[in-house]
Amino acid sequence: MKRKETYLSRDFRETVALRFPARAKELNTAFDMRLSALLAENAGASKEKQYHLKRQILPGISVYETLQRVMPKEEALQTVHGYVEHLARTSHKQLAALLHIPGLYRLVPGIFVKSTRSVFGPAAGFAPKELQTGNGVWRVDMMKCPYHDTCAEYGCPELCRCFCDSDDISYTGLHPKLIWHRTKTLGRGDDRCDFCMKVKK
């Protein structure tokens, strides 16, 4: 069965074709084998958690490890960061364009509340603590996160920062009347991620 390509695997294949053409086949095979092994090791995870594992976490770890065969660790990390950042910038552009629709920005905190409950809940390995939801405010402390836990478990906690940064890139400055705010992240060694998206009063 052919696995669905993720943006991470697609960008990785592009990088190795451009920069390491002589070793592209070997690197692609190494990546595929590592990803298959990681997916097998995590096959018991819940459907909700699988969504994050398959889409970003496990491909990210596989790309990061495979790139280290041909480049220093720090460069490999920056390369993965570039892939994640590119996706985040694209999604920022799309969201910001959508928010040109008058009044739509007011709905954003409410949408965040719903998506946290459905996609970033305990079933997926997150531990959100809702501080304020409603009245144009979404404030959640994330006490546990599978991005952080899985990266740490596979010995690359530093990789989680790529995913933390992607939130800031995606949601900062979306609309003049929306404030995105976060001072701590688990991925940077803090005790929680303190998320906040609110409508400027």
Protein backbone atom coordinates (compact mmCIF):
# COMPACT_ATOMS: atom_id res chain seq x y z
CA MET A 1 0.00 0.00 0.00
CA LYS A 2 1.42 3.36 -1.03
CA ARG A 3 1.53 5.76 1.86
CA LYS A 4 0.13 9.23 1.37
CA GLU A 5 2.93 11.75 0.96
CA THR A 6 3.02 14.46 3.62
CA TYR A 7 4.40 17.94 2.99
CA LEU A 8 7.46 16.85 4.99
CA SER A 9 8.21 13.79 2.86
CA ARG A 10 7.59 15.76 -0.33
CA ASP A 11 9.97 18.57 0.70
CA PHE A 12 12.56 16.05 1.89
CA ARG A 13 12.54 14.22 -1.47
CA GLU A 14 12.95 17.55 -3.23
CA THR A 15 15.93 18.49 -1.06
CA VAL A 16 17.78 15.22 -1.58
CA ALA A 17 17.13 15.26 -5.34
CA LEU A 18 18.58 18.77 -5.58
CA ARG A 19 21.42 18.59 -3.10
CA PHE A 20 22.43 14.92 -2.94
CA PRO A 21 21.41 13.49 -6.34
CA ALA A 22 23.99 10.69 -6.18
CA ARG A 23 22.56 9.50 -2.85
CA ALA A 24 18.90 10.39 -3.41
CA LYS A 25 17.76 6.79 -3.87
CA GLU A 26 19.58 5.61 -0.75
CA LEU A 27 18.25 8.52 1.33
CA ASN A 28 14.67 8.07 0.13
CA THR A 29 14.84 4.37 0.99
CA ALA A 30 16.32 5.15 4.43
CA PHE A 31 13.54 7.65 5.06
CA ASP A 32 10.79 5.23 3.97
CA MET A 33 12.17 2.43 6.12
CA ARG A 34 12.50 4.64 9.18
CA LEU A 35 8.99 6.02 8.76
CA SER A 36 7.55 2.51 8.35
CA ALA A 37 9.31 1.42 11.54
CA LEU A 38 8.03 4.45 13.48
CA LEU A 39 4.48 3.93 12.22
CA ALA A 40 4.64 0.27 13.25
CA GLU A 41 5.95 1.19 16.72
CA ASN A 42 3.07 3.64 17.15
CA ALA A 43 0.36 1.51 15.55
CA GLY A 44 -1.42 1.18 18.88
CA ALA A 45 -2.02 4.92 19.25
CA SER A 46 -5.59 6.25 19.16
CA LYS A 47 -7.13 7.37 15.87
CA GLU A 48 -7.01 10.95 17.18
CA LYS A 49 -3.32 10.72 17.97
CA GLN A 50 -2.55 8.96 14.67
CA TYR A 51 -3.76 12.07 12.87
CA HIS A 52 -0.86 14.09 14.35
CA LEU A 53 1.65 11.22 14.22
CA LYS A 54 1.10 10.46 10.52
CA ARG A 55 0.72 14.00 9.31
CA GLN A 56 3.66 15.65 11.03
CA ILE A 57 5.37 14.07 14.02
CA LEU A 58 6.70 10.77 12.62
CA PRO A 59 7.54 12.08 9.12
CA GLY A 60 9.34 14.96 10.87
CA ILE A 61 11.45 12.59 12.99
CA SER A 62 12.23 10.39 9.96
CA VAL A 63 13.28 13.35 7.82
CA TYR A 64 15.41 14.81 10.62
CA GLU A 65 17.21 11.52 11.30
CA THR A 66 17.75 10.75 7.60
CA LEU A 67 19.13 14.21 6.79
CA GLN A 68 21.73 13.76 9.53
CA ARG A 69 23.38 11.11 7.34
CA VAL A 70 24.44 13.83 4.91
CA MET A 71 24.56 17.04 6.95
CA PRO A 72 25.38 18.26 10.48
CA LYS A 73 22.60 17.92 13.04
CA GLU A 74 22.02 21.69 13.29
CA GLU A 75 21.65 22.00 9.52
CA ALA A 76 19.24 19.06 9.46
CA LEU A 77 17.17 20.79 12.15
CA GLN A 78 17.15 24.08 10.20
CA THR A 79 16.12 22.21 7.05
CA VAL A 80 13.11 20.59 8.74
CA HIS A 81 12.29 23.96 10.31
CA GLY A 82 12.27 25.43 6.80
CA TYR A 83 9.71 22.88 5.61
CA VAL A 84 7.41 23.52 8.58
CA GLU A 85 7.86 27.27 8.30
CA HIS A 86 7.00 27.24 4.59
CA LEU A 87 3.72 25.45 5.31
CA ALA A 88 2.93 27.84 8.18
CA ARG A 89 3.54 30.91 5.99
CA THR A 90 1.22 29.50 3.34
CA SER A 91 -1.51 28.84 5.88
CA HIS A 92 -1.03 32.33 7.37
CA LYS A 93 -1.56 33.87 3.92
CA GLN A 94 -4.71 31.82 3.33
CA LEU A 95 -6.19 32.62 6.75
CA ALA A 96 -5.37 36.32 6.53
CA ALA A 97 -7.01 36.48 3.08
CA LEU A 98 -10.12 34.79 4.44
CA LEU A 99 -10.31 37.28 7.31
CA HIS A 100 -10.79 40.16 4.85
CA ILE A 101 -14.44 39.10 4.97
CA PRO A 102 -15.99 41.76 7.25
CA GLY A 103 -16.66 40.60 10.79
CA LEU A 104 -15.28 37.11 10.25
CA TYR A 105 -12.36 37.74 12.62
CA ARG A 106 -14.82 37.74 15.55
CA LEU A 107 -15.44 34.03 15.03
CA VAL A 108 -11.76 33.01 15.23
CA PRO A 109 -11.45 32.48 19.02
CA GLY A 110 -14.63 30.34 18.93
CA ILE A 111 -13.24 28.24 16.08
CA PHE A 112 -10.06 27.70 18.14
CA VAL A 113 -12.18 26.50 21.08
CA LYS A 114 -13.95 23.94 18.88
CA SER A 115 -10.80 22.70 17.16
CA THR A 116 -8.93 22.34 20.46
CA ARG A 117 -11.74 20.18 21.78
CA SER A 118 -11.93 18.03 18.66
CA VAL A 119 -8.34 17.76 17.37
CA PHE A 120 -6.13 18.70 20.33
CA GLY A 121 -7.92 16.89 23.11
CA PRO A 122 -6.96 14.14 25.58
CA ALA A 123 -7.84 11.41 23.04
CA ALA A 124 -4.97 12.69 20.86
CA GLY A 125 -2.50 12.80 23.75
CA PHE A 126 -2.92 16.47 24.64
CA ALA A 127 -3.86 17.81 28.08
CA PRO A 128 -5.59 21.17 27.52
CA LYS A 129 -6.61 23.24 30.53
CA GLU A 130 -9.26 25.72 29.43
CA LEU A 131 -8.81 29.05 31.20
CA GLN A 132 -11.22 31.17 29.20
CA THR A 133 -13.40 30.20 26.27
CA GLY A 134 -16.04 32.54 25.02
CA ASN A 135 -16.69 36.24 24.72
CA GLY A 136 -14.06 36.59 21.97
CA VAL A 137 -11.32 34.87 23.99
CA TRP A 138 -9.61 31.50 23.70
CA ARG A 139 -7.11 30.87 26.47
CA VAL A 140 -5.79 27.39 27.00
CA ASP A 141 -2.79 26.04 28.84
CA MET A 142 -1.52 22.90 27.15
CA MET A 143 0.03 20.77 29.89
CA LYS A 144 0.95 17.80 27.70
CA CYS A 145 1.51 17.51 23.97
CA PRO A 146 2.24 14.47 21.76
CA TYR A 147 4.56 16.54 19.54
CA HIS A 148 6.77 17.23 22.53
CA ASP A 149 6.39 13.78 24.10
CA THR A 150 7.09 11.83 20.89
CA CYS A 151 10.10 13.93 19.89
CA ALA A 152 11.54 13.53 23.40
CA GLU A 153 10.83 9.80 23.38
CA TYR A 154 12.84 9.40 20.15
CA GLY A 155 15.74 11.47 21.46
CA CYS A 156 15.13 14.65 19.46
CA PRO A 157 13.24 17.05 21.77
CA GLU A 158 14.75 19.99 19.84
CA LEU A 159 12.65 19.01 16.81
CA CYS A 160 9.45 19.99 18.63
CA ARG A 161 10.42 23.68 18.42
CA CYS A 162 9.80 23.56 14.64
CA PHE A 163 6.15 22.75 15.34
CA CYS A 164 5.91 25.34 18.15
CA ASP A 165 7.27 28.03 15.84
CA SER A 166 4.78 27.08 13.15
CA ASP A 167 1.89 28.17 15.43
CA ASP A 168 3.46 31.58 15.94
CA ILE A 169 4.07 32.00 12.19
CA SER A 170 0.54 30.87 11.31
CA TYR A 171 -1.36 32.99 13.83
CA THR A 172 0.62 36.16 14.55
CA GLY A 173 -0.78 39.26 12.85
CA LEU A 174 -3.68 37.55 11.11
CA HIS A 175 -5.96 40.55 11.51
CA PRO A 176 -5.59 44.01 13.13
CA LYS A 177 -8.32 43.12 15.60
CA LEU A 178 -6.96 39.73 16.63
CA ILE A 179 -4.25 39.17 19.21
CA TRP A 180 -2.24 35.94 19.26
CA HIS A 181 -0.18 35.54 22.37
CA ARG A 182 2.08 32.87 23.81
CA THR A 183 4.98 33.18 26.23
CA LYS A 184 5.81 29.55 26.98
CA THR A 185 5.99 26.29 25.06
CA LEU A 186 6.68 22.72 26.15
CA GLY A 187 8.96 22.37 23.13
CA ARG A 188 11.24 25.10 24.46
CA GLY A 189 11.48 23.50 27.86
CA ASP A 190 8.69 25.35 29.67
CA ASP A 191 6.13 23.60 31.88
CA ARG A 192 3.23 24.33 29.49
CA CYS A 193 2.19 26.12 26.30
CA ASP A 194 0.10 29.15 27.23
CA PHE A 195 -2.05 29.74 24.17
CA CYS A 196 -4.22 32.79 23.73
CA MET A 197 -6.18 34.14 20.75
CA LYS A 198 -8.51 37.03 21.44
CA VAL A 199 -10.47 39.80 19.79
CA LYS A 200 -9.11 43.25 20.54
CA LYS A 201 -11.76 45.04 22.55
